[in-house]
Amino acid sequence: MIPGGWMAWTFPVALFFWCIAALLIVFTILGVRFPETPRRGILGIDTTRGDRLFVTLLGSAFICLGWLFFFGPPVWWGLTLCLVYAAAVFRWV
């Protein structure tokens, strides 16, 4: 068995990981350049940009898994739903 041969390293998979890495870099730069104080949203807890990003990524994973379970591929409409969810999290959480 070839090491790493178990993973389907296709362009979409690589693009996904590059996007996550880019988000982390951008949020690190924003955190250094424009420090923020935590804010209290509808959850009733103080959150920062990083907290909201984490909640968004976690929720988006579940949305995509749910989309695949109920509707199957392709996941484009599920990704659209994830963008709406992300906008809501960053606005109100």
PDB file of N, CA and C in Angstrom:
ATOM      1  N   MET A   1       0.837  -1.188   0.000  1.00  0.00           N
ATOM      2  CA  MET A   1       0.000   0.000   0.000  1.00  0.00           C
ATOM      3  C   MET A   1       0.884   1.254   0.000  1.00  0.00           C
ATOM      4  N   ILE A   2       0.562   2.181  -0.853  1.00  0.00           N
ATOM      5  CA  ILE A   2       1.322   3.423  -0.972  1.00  0.00           C
ATOM      6  C   ILE A   2       0.898   4.374   0.141  1.00  0.00           C
ATOM      7  N   PRO A   3       1.855   4.960   0.881  1.00  0.00           N
ATOM      8  CA  PRO A   3       1.480   5.933   1.908  1.00  0.00           C
ATOM      9  C   PRO A   3       0.721   7.101   1.286  1.00  0.00           C
ATOM     10  N   GLY A   4      -0.396   7.440   1.864  1.00  0.00           N
ATOM     11  CA  GLY A   4      -1.203   8.534   1.345  1.00  0.00           C
ATOM     12  C   GLY A   4      -2.105   8.122   0.196  1.00  0.00           C
ATOM     13  N   GLY A   5      -2.042   6.858  -0.213  1.00  0.00           N
ATOM     14  CA  GLY A   5      -2.845   6.393  -1.322  1.00  0.00           C
ATOM     15  C   GLY A   5      -4.324   6.232  -0.987  1.00  0.00           C
ATOM     16  N   TRP A   6      -4.644   6.294   0.296  1.00  0.00           N
ATOM     17  CA  TRP A   6      -6.033   6.130   0.715  1.00  0.00           C
ATOM     18  C   TRP A   6      -6.853   7.391   0.505  1.00  0.00           C
ATOM     19  N   MET A   7      -6.194   8.523   0.326  1.00  0.00           N
ATOM     20  CA  MET A   7      -6.902   9.802   0.210  1.00  0.00           C
ATOM     21  C   MET A   7      -7.081  10.159  -1.255  1.00  0.00           C
ATOM     22  N   ALA A   8      -8.263  10.615  -1.594  1.00  0.00           N
ATOM     23  CA  ALA A   8      -8.553  11.026  -2.963  1.00  0.00           C
ATOM     24  C   ALA A   8      -8.083  12.472  -3.160  1.00  0.00           C
ATOM     25  N   TRP A   9      -6.819  12.656  -3.455  1.00  0.00           N
ATOM     26  CA  TRP A   9      -6.272  13.993  -3.627  1.00  0.00           C
ATOM     27  C   TRP A   9      -6.592  14.503  -5.028  1.00  0.00           C
ATOM     28  N   THR A  10      -7.786  15.016  -5.154  1.00  0.00           N
ATOM     29  CA  THR A  10      -8.210  15.602  -6.417  1.00  0.00           C
ATOM     30  C   THR A  10      -8.108  17.116  -6.295  1.00  0.00           C
ATOM     31  N   PHE A  11      -8.317  17.805  -7.389  1.00  0.00           N
ATOM     32  CA  PHE A  11      -8.249  19.266  -7.354  1.00  0.00           C
ATOM     33  C   PHE A  11      -9.281  19.872  -6.399  1.00  0.00           C
ATOM     34  N   PRO A  12     -10.547  19.416  -6.391  1.00  0.00           N
ATOM     35  CA  PRO A  12     -11.503  19.992  -5.435  1.00  0.00           C
ATOM     36  C   PRO A  12     -11.098  19.798  -3.980  1.00  0.00           C
ATOM     37  N   VAL A  13     -10.493  18.648  -3.655  1.00  0.00           N
ATOM     38  CA  VAL A  13     -10.044  18.410  -2.282  1.00  0.00           C
ATOM     39  C   VAL A  13      -8.910  19.368  -1.934  1.00  0.00           C
ATOM     40  N   ALA A  14      -7.956  19.512  -2.836  1.00  0.00           N
ATOM     41  CA  ALA A  14      -6.845  20.433  -2.607  1.00  0.00           C
ATOM     42  C   ALA A  14      -7.344  21.873  -2.485  1.00  0.00           C
ATOM     43  N   LEU A  15      -8.286  22.248  -3.333  1.00  0.00           N
ATOM     44  CA  LEU A  15      -8.857  23.596  -3.280  1.00  0.00           C
ATOM     45  C   LEU A  15      -9.547  23.845  -1.945  1.00  0.00           C
ATOM     46  N   PHE A  16     -10.261  22.859  -1.446  1.00  0.00           N
ATOM     47  CA  PHE A  16     -10.918  22.967  -0.140  1.00  0.00           C
ATOM     48  C   PHE A  16      -9.898  23.278   0.954  1.00  0.00           C
ATOM     49  N   PHE A  17      -8.803  22.513   0.996  1.00  0.00           N
ATOM     50  CA  PHE A  17      -7.806  22.734   2.036  1.00  0.00           C
ATOM     51  C   PHE A  17      -7.071  24.055   1.846  1.00  0.00           C
ATOM     52  N   TRP A  18      -6.865  24.474   0.611  1.00  0.00           N
ATOM     53  CA  TRP A  18      -6.246  25.777   0.370  1.00  0.00           C
ATOM     54  C   TRP A  18      -7.162  26.901   0.849  1.00  0.00           C
ATOM     55  N   CYS A  19      -8.457  26.746   0.644  1.00  0.00           N
ATOM     56  CA  CYS A  19      -9.416  27.769   1.106  1.00  0.00           C
ATOM     57  C   CYS A  19      -9.433  27.858   2.628  1.00  0.00           C
ATOM     58  N   ILE A  20      -9.399  26.724   3.304  1.00  0.00           N
ATOM     59  CA  ILE A  20      -9.365  26.729   4.770  1.00  0.00           C
ATOM     60  C   ILE A  20      -8.078  27.406   5.246  1.00  0.00           C
ATOM     61  N   ALA A  21      -6.957  27.072   4.634  1.00  0.00           N
ATOM     62  CA  ALA A  21      -5.682  27.689   5.011  1.00  0.00           C
ATOM     63  C   ALA A  21      -5.718  29.194   4.754  1.00  0.00           C
ATOM     64  N   ALA A  22      -6.282  29.604   3.628  1.00  0.00           N
ATOM     65  CA  ALA A  22      -6.379  31.037   3.314  1.00  0.00           C
ATOM     66  C   ALA A  22      -7.262  31.759   4.322  1.00  0.00           C
ATOM     67  N   LEU A  23      -8.371  31.138   4.714  1.00  0.00           N
ATOM     68  CA  LEU A  23      -9.246  31.738   5.735  1.00  0.00           C
ATOM     69  C   LEU A  23      -8.493  31.929   7.049  1.00  0.00           C
ATOM     70  N   LEU A  24      -7.738  30.928   7.465  1.00  0.00           N
ATOM     71  CA  LEU A  24      -6.980  31.041   8.711  1.00  0.00           C
ATOM     72  C   LEU A  24      -5.931  32.149   8.633  1.00  0.00           C
ATOM     73  N   ILE A  25      -5.272  32.260   7.497  1.00  0.00           N
ATOM     74  CA  ILE A  25      -4.268  33.317   7.325  1.00  0.00           C
ATOM     75  C   ILE A  25      -4.934  34.692   7.339  1.00  0.00           C
ATOM     76  N   VAL A  26      -6.032  34.841   6.614  1.00  0.00           N
ATOM     77  CA  VAL A  26      -6.736  36.127   6.568  1.00  0.00           C
ATOM     78  C   VAL A  26      -7.241  36.516   7.956  1.00  0.00           C
ATOM     79  N   PHE A  27      -7.804  35.570   8.693  1.00  0.00           N
ATOM     80  CA  PHE A  27      -8.326  35.888  10.019  1.00  0.00           C
ATOM     81  C   PHE A  27      -7.200  36.186  11.002  1.00  0.00           C
ATOM     82  N   THR A  28      -6.038  35.575  10.840  1.00  0.00           N
ATOM     83  CA  THR A  28      -4.884  35.905  11.670  1.00  0.00           C
ATOM     84  C   THR A  28      -4.421  37.326  11.394  1.00  0.00           C
ATOM     85  N   ILE A  29      -4.331  37.679  10.124  1.00  0.00           N
ATOM     86  CA  ILE A  29      -3.925  39.042   9.758  1.00  0.00           C
ATOM     87  C   ILE A  29      -4.938  40.060  10.278  1.00  0.00           C
ATOM     88  N   LEU A  30      -6.226  39.774  10.120  1.00  0.00           N
ATOM     89  CA  LEU A  30      -7.264  40.671  10.642  1.00  0.00           C
ATOM     90  C   LEU A  30      -7.171  40.819  12.156  1.00  0.00           C
ATOM     91  N   GLY A  31      -6.892  39.713  12.857  1.00  0.00           N
ATOM     92  CA  GLY A  31      -6.777  39.758  14.305  1.00  0.00           C
ATOM     93  C   GLY A  31      -5.602  40.595  14.772  1.00  0.00           C
ATOM     94  N   VAL A  32      -4.500  40.560  14.028  1.00  0.00           N
ATOM     95  CA  VAL A  32      -3.331  41.360  14.391  1.00  0.00           C
ATOM     96  C   VAL A  32      -3.538  42.817  13.988  1.00  0.00           C
ATOM     97  N   ARG A  33      -4.044  43.032  12.808  1.00  0.00           N
ATOM     98  CA  ARG A  33      -4.205  44.393  12.273  1.00  0.00           C
ATOM     99  C   ARG A  33      -5.360  45.139  12.921  1.00  0.00           C
ATOM    100  N   PHE A  34      -6.475  44.471  13.141  1.00  0.00           N
ATOM    101  CA  PHE A  34      -7.672  45.100  13.712  1.00  0.00           C
ATOM    102  C   PHE A  34      -8.168  44.287  14.903  1.00  0.00           C
ATOM    103  N   PRO A  35      -7.518  44.439  16.062  1.00  0.00           N
ATOM    104  CA  PRO A  35      -7.961  43.681  17.238  1.00  0.00           C
ATOM    105  C   PRO A  35      -9.418  44.012  17.569  1.00  0.00           C
ATOM    106  N   GLU A  36     -10.129  43.041  18.097  1.00  0.00           N
ATOM    107  CA  GLU A  36     -11.528  43.268  18.420  1.00  0.00           C
ATOM    108  C   GLU A  36     -11.811  42.808  19.838  1.00  0.00           C
ATOM    109  N   THR A  37     -12.862  43.350  20.392  1.00  0.00           N
ATOM    110  CA  THR A  37     -13.343  42.870  21.676  1.00  0.00           C
ATOM    111  C   THR A  37     -14.479  41.892  21.392  1.00  0.00           C
ATOM    112  N   PRO A  38     -14.594  40.863  22.197  1.00  0.00           N
ATOM    113  CA  PRO A  38     -15.679  39.904  21.960  1.00  0.00           C
ATOM    114  C   PRO A  38     -17.045  40.584  22.036  1.00  0.00           C
ATOM    115  N   ARG A  39     -17.988  40.070  21.256  1.00  0.00           N
ATOM    116  CA  ARG A  39     -19.340  40.616  21.295  1.00  0.00           C
ATOM    117  C   ARG A  39     -20.323  39.509  21.659  1.00  0.00           C
ATOM    118  N   ARG A  40     -21.432  39.915  22.232  1.00  0.00           N
ATOM    119  CA  ARG A  40     -22.452  38.960  22.670  1.00  0.00           C
ATOM    120  C   ARG A  40     -23.567  38.943  21.628  1.00  0.00           C
ATOM    121  N   GLY A  41     -23.829  37.770  21.075  1.00  0.00           N
ATOM    122  CA  GLY A  41     -24.856  37.619  20.051  1.00  0.00           C
ATOM    123  C   GLY A  41     -26.077  36.892  20.575  1.00  0.00           C
ATOM    124  N   ILE A  42     -26.814  36.281  19.669  1.00  0.00           N
ATOM    125  CA  ILE A  42     -28.062  35.621  20.049  1.00  0.00           C
ATOM    126  C   ILE A  42     -27.839  34.365  20.881  1.00  0.00           C
ATOM    127  N   LEU A  43     -26.629  33.808  20.872  1.00  0.00           N
ATOM    128  CA  LEU A  43     -26.349  32.640  21.695  1.00  0.00           C
ATOM    129  C   LEU A  43     -26.151  33.011  23.160  1.00  0.00           C
ATOM    130  N   GLY A  44     -25.946  34.282  23.428  1.00  0.00           N
ATOM    131  CA  GLY A  44     -25.747  34.738  24.798  1.00  0.00           C
ATOM    132  C   GLY A  44     -24.340  34.524  25.326  1.00  0.00           C
ATOM    133  N   ILE A  45     -23.397  34.218  24.430  1.00  0.00           N
ATOM    134  CA  ILE A  45     -22.001  34.064  24.834  1.00  0.00           C
ATOM    135  C   ILE A  45     -21.157  35.046  24.043  1.00  0.00           C
ATOM    136  N   ASP A  46     -20.020  35.416  24.618  1.00  0.00           N
ATOM    137  CA  ASP A  46     -19.106  36.316  23.918  1.00  0.00           C
ATOM    138  C   ASP A  46     -18.349  35.532  22.848  1.00  0.00           C
ATOM    139  N   THR A  47     -18.324  36.064  21.622  1.00  0.00           N
ATOM    140  CA  THR A  47     -17.602  35.411  20.528  1.00  0.00           C
ATOM    141  C   THR A  47     -16.713  36.418  19.814  1.00  0.00           C
ATOM    142  N   THR A  48     -15.637  35.908  19.253  1.00  0.00           N
ATOM    143  CA  THR A  48     -14.739  36.707  18.430  1.00  0.00           C
ATOM    144  C   THR A  48     -14.887  36.249  16.982  1.00  0.00           C
ATOM    145  N   ARG A  49     -14.153  36.878  16.079  1.00  0.00           N
ATOM    146  CA  ARG A  49     -14.176  36.465  14.670  1.00  0.00           C
ATOM    147  C   ARG A  49     -13.807  34.998  14.519  1.00  0.00           C
ATOM    148  N   GLY A  50     -12.765  34.578  15.228  1.00  0.00           N
ATOM    149  CA  GLY A  50     -12.308  33.195  15.147  1.00  0.00           C
ATOM    150  C   GLY A  50     -13.359  32.211  15.639  1.00  0.00           C
ATOM    151  N   ASP A  51     -14.055  32.567  16.713  1.00  0.00           N
ATOM    152  CA  ASP A  51     -15.134  31.711  17.220  1.00  0.00           C
ATOM    153  C   ASP A  51     -16.235  31.568  16.180  1.00  0.00           C
ATOM    154  N   ARG A  52     -16.598  32.676  15.570  1.00  0.00           N
ATOM    155  CA  ARG A  52     -17.658  32.635  14.559  1.00  0.00           C
ATOM    156  C   ARG A  52     -17.214  31.855  13.327  1.00  0.00           C
ATOM    157  N   LEU A  53     -15.934  31.954  12.963  1.00  0.00           N
ATOM    158  CA  LEU A  53     -15.417  31.160  11.848  1.00  0.00           C
ATOM    159  C   LEU A  53     -15.504  29.675  12.180  1.00  0.00           C
ATOM    160  N   PHE A  54     -15.127  29.297  13.400  1.00  0.00           N
ATOM    161  CA  PHE A  54     -15.186  27.903  13.805  1.00  0.00           C
ATOM    162  C   PHE A  54     -16.620  27.386  13.767  1.00  0.00           C
ATOM    163  N   VAL A  55     -17.562  28.151  14.311  1.00  0.00           N
ATOM    164  CA  VAL A  55     -18.972  27.752  14.300  1.00  0.00           C
ATOM    165  C   VAL A  55     -19.466  27.622  12.860  1.00  0.00           C
ATOM    166  N   THR A  56     -19.042  28.539  11.997  1.00  0.00           N
ATOM    167  CA  THR A  56     -19.440  28.489  10.589  1.00  0.00           C
ATOM    168  C   THR A  56     -18.901  27.246   9.895  1.00  0.00           C
ATOM    169  N   LEU A  57     -17.617  26.936  10.090  1.00  0.00           N
ATOM    170  CA  LEU A  57     -17.024  25.764   9.439  1.00  0.00           C
ATOM    171  C   LEU A  57     -17.652  24.471   9.954  1.00  0.00           C
ATOM    172  N   LEU A  58     -17.886  24.392  11.252  1.00  0.00           N
ATOM    173  CA  LEU A  58     -18.493  23.195  11.821  1.00  0.00           C
ATOM    174  C   LEU A  58     -19.922  23.018  11.323  1.00  0.00           C
ATOM    175  N   GLY A  59     -20.695  24.093  11.355  1.00  0.00           N
ATOM    176  CA  GLY A  59     -22.073  24.021  10.862  1.00  0.00           C
ATOM    177  C   GLY A  59     -22.137  23.708   9.376  1.00  0.00           C
ATOM    178  N   SER A  60     -21.216  24.270   8.610  1.00  0.00           N
ATOM    179  CA  SER A  60     -21.192  24.018   7.167  1.00  0.00           C
ATOM    180  C   SER A  60     -20.879  22.554   6.866  1.00  0.00           C
ATOM    181  N   ALA A  61     -20.024  21.954   7.669  1.00  0.00           N
ATOM    182  CA  ALA A  61     -19.730  20.530   7.477  1.00  0.00           C
ATOM    183  C   ALA A  61     -20.993  19.704   7.676  1.00  0.00           C
ATOM    184  N   PHE A  62     -21.761  20.031   8.711  1.00  0.00           N
ATOM    185  CA  PHE A  62     -22.996  19.282   8.955  1.00  0.00           C
ATOM    186  C   PHE A  62     -24.048  19.564   7.878  1.00  0.00           C
ATOM    187  N   ILE A  63     -24.103  20.790   7.393  1.00  0.00           N
ATOM    188  CA  ILE A  63     -25.041  21.104   6.309  1.00  0.00           C
ATOM    189  C   ILE A  63     -24.700  20.292   5.067  1.00  0.00           C
ATOM    190  N   CYS A  64     -23.423  20.236   4.710  1.00  0.00           N
ATOM    191  CA  CYS A  64     -23.017  19.476   3.518  1.00  0.00           C
ATOM    192  C   CYS A  64     -23.257  17.975   3.695  1.00  0.00           C
ATOM    193  N   LEU A  65     -22.979  17.451   4.897  1.00  0.00           N
ATOM    194  CA  LEU A  65     -23.252  16.035   5.140  1.00  0.00           C
ATOM    195  C   LEU A  65     -24.748  15.742   5.054  1.00  0.00           C
ATOM    196  N   GLY A  66     -25.557  16.632   5.622  1.00  0.00           N
ATOM    197  CA  GLY A  66     -27.005  16.473   5.535  1.00  0.00           C
ATOM    198  C   GLY A  66     -27.489  16.546   4.097  1.00  0.00           C
ATOM    199  N   TRP A  67     -26.907  17.465   3.325  1.00  0.00           N
ATOM    200  CA  TRP A  67     -27.284  17.592   1.916  1.00  0.00           C
ATOM    201  C   TRP A  67     -26.982  16.291   1.168  1.00  0.00           C
ATOM    202  N   LEU A  68     -25.786  15.750   1.412  1.00  0.00           N
ATOM    203  CA  LEU A  68     -25.419  14.495   0.753  1.00  0.00           C
ATOM    204  C   LEU A  68     -26.350  13.356   1.168  1.00  0.00           C
ATOM    205  N   PHE A  69     -26.745  13.325   2.427  1.00  0.00           N
ATOM    206  CA  PHE A  69     -27.630  12.261   2.900  1.00  0.00           C
ATOM    207  C   PHE A  69     -29.008  12.356   2.258  1.00  0.00           C
ATOM    208  N   PHE A  70     -29.571  13.565   2.242  1.00  0.00           N
ATOM    209  CA  PHE A  70     -30.943  13.714   1.762  1.00  0.00           C
ATOM    210  C   PHE A  70     -31.056  13.856   0.245  1.00  0.00           C
ATOM    211  N   PHE A  71     -30.082  14.519  -0.387  1.00  0.00           N
ATOM    212  CA  PHE A  71     -30.212  14.816  -1.819  1.00  0.00           C
ATOM    213  C   PHE A  71     -29.118  14.190  -2.677  1.00  0.00           C
ATOM    214  N   GLY A  72     -27.996  13.832  -2.084  1.00  0.00           N
ATOM    215  CA  GLY A  72     -26.878  13.265  -2.836  1.00  0.00           C
ATOM    216  C   GLY A  72     -26.121  14.342  -3.595  1.00  0.00           C
ATOM    217  N   PRO A  73     -25.098  13.915  -4.336  1.00  0.00           N
ATOM    218  CA  PRO A  73     -24.324  14.897  -5.094  1.00  0.00           C
ATOM    219  C   PRO A  73     -25.117  15.425  -6.266  1.00  0.00           C
ATOM    220  N   PRO A  74     -24.787  16.553  -6.809  1.00  0.00           N
ATOM    221  CA  PRO A  74     -23.763  17.514  -6.405  1.00  0.00           C
ATOM    222  C   PRO A  74     -24.220  18.357  -5.208  1.00  0.00           C
ATOM    223  N   VAL A  75     -23.266  19.008  -4.579  1.00  0.00           N
ATOM    224  CA  VAL A  75     -23.515  19.723  -3.332  1.00  0.00           C
ATOM    225  C   VAL A  75     -23.571  21.236  -3.542  1.00  0.00           C
ATOM    226  N   TRP A  76     -23.710  21.691  -4.764  1.00  0.00           N
ATOM    227  CA  TRP A  76     -23.678  23.137  -5.025  1.00  0.00           C
ATOM    228  C   TRP A  76     -24.763  23.891  -4.269  1.00  0.00           C
ATOM    229  N   TRP A  77     -25.980  23.350  -4.227  1.00  0.00           N
ATOM    230  CA  TRP A  77     -27.046  24.041  -3.482  1.00  0.00           C
ATOM    231  C   TRP A  77     -26.783  23.975  -1.986  1.00  0.00           C
ATOM    232  N   GLY A  78     -26.158  22.899  -1.539  1.00  0.00           N
ATOM    233  CA  GLY A  78     -25.762  22.810  -0.140  1.00  0.00           C
ATOM    234  C   GLY A  78     -24.715  23.853   0.208  1.00  0.00           C
ATOM    235  N   LEU A  79     -23.780  24.083  -0.703  1.00  0.00           N
ATOM    236  CA  LEU A  79     -22.769  25.120  -0.484  1.00  0.00           C
ATOM    237  C   LEU A  79     -23.401  26.511  -0.458  1.00  0.00           C
ATOM    238  N   THR A  80     -24.410  26.721  -1.287  1.00  0.00           N
ATOM    239  CA  THR A  80     -25.132  27.993  -1.260  1.00  0.00           C
ATOM    240  C   THR A  80     -25.803  28.183   0.100  1.00  0.00           C
ATOM    241  N   LEU A  81     -26.396  27.124   0.606  1.00  0.00           N
ATOM    242  CA  LEU A  81     -27.001  27.168   1.936  1.00  0.00           C
ATOM    243  C   LEU A  81     -25.943  27.458   3.006  1.00  0.00           C
ATOM    244  N   CYS A  82     -24.745  26.920   2.833  1.00  0.00           N
ATOM    245  CA  CYS A  82     -23.643  27.183   3.763  1.00  0.00           C
ATOM    246  C   CYS A  82     -23.252  28.660   3.760  1.00  0.00           C
ATOM    247  N   LEU A  83     -23.253  29.288   2.599  1.00  0.00           N
ATOM    248  CA  LEU A  83     -22.923  30.719   2.525  1.00  0.00           C
ATOM    249  C   LEU A  83     -23.972  31.567   3.240  1.00  0.00           C
ATOM    250  N   VAL A  84     -25.229  31.197   3.100  1.00  0.00           N
ATOM    251  CA  VAL A  84     -26.302  31.909   3.815  1.00  0.00           C
ATOM    252  C   VAL A  84     -26.126  31.711   5.319  1.00  0.00           C
ATOM    253  N   TYR A  85     -25.817  30.472   5.723  1.00  0.00           N
ATOM    254  CA  TYR A  85     -25.581  30.171   7.134  1.00  0.00           C
ATOM    255  C   TYR A  85     -24.391  30.981   7.659  1.00  0.00           C
ATOM    256  N   ALA A  86     -23.311  31.065   6.886  1.00  0.00           N
ATOM    257  CA  ALA A  86     -22.124  31.819   7.308  1.00  0.00           C
ATOM    258  C   ALA A  86     -22.461  33.300   7.500  1.00  0.00           C
ATOM    259  N   ALA A  87     -23.216  33.867   6.568  1.00  0.00           N
ATOM    260  CA  ALA A  87     -23.610  35.276   6.696  1.00  0.00           C
ATOM    261  C   ALA A  87     -24.434  35.483   7.968  1.00  0.00           C
ATOM    262  N   ALA A  88     -25.335  34.544   8.267  1.00  0.00           N
ATOM    263  CA  ALA A  88     -26.156  34.663   9.475  1.00  0.00           C
ATOM    264  C   ALA A  88     -25.311  34.546  10.735  1.00  0.00           C
ATOM    265  N   VAL A  89     -24.355  33.613  10.742  1.00  0.00           N
ATOM    266  CA  VAL A  89     -23.499  33.455  11.922  1.00  0.00           C
ATOM    267  C   VAL A  89     -22.672  34.711  12.149  1.00  0.00           C
ATOM    268  N   PHE A  90     -22.068  35.249  11.101  1.00  0.00           N
ATOM    269  CA  PHE A  90     -21.216  36.422  11.289  1.00  0.00           C
ATOM    270  C   PHE A  90     -22.029  37.666  11.604  1.00  0.00           C
ATOM    271  N   ARG A  91     -23.283  37.669  11.249  1.00  0.00           N
ATOM    272  CA  ARG A  91     -24.143  38.832  11.540  1.00  0.00           C
ATOM    273  C   ARG A  91     -24.718  38.786  12.950  1.00  0.00           C
ATOM    274  N   TRP A  92     -25.232  37.610  13.364  1.00  0.00           N
ATOM    275  CA  TRP A  92     -25.999  37.568  14.600  1.00  0.00           C
ATOM    276  C   TRP A  92     -25.386  36.780  15.745  1.00  0.00           C
ATOM    277  N   VAL A  93     -24.338  36.005  15.496  1.00  0.00           N
ATOM    278  CA  VAL A  93     -23.792  35.188  16.600  1.00  0.00           C
ATOM    279  C   VAL A  93     -22.670  35.884  17.289  1.00  0.00           C
TER     280      VAL A  93
END
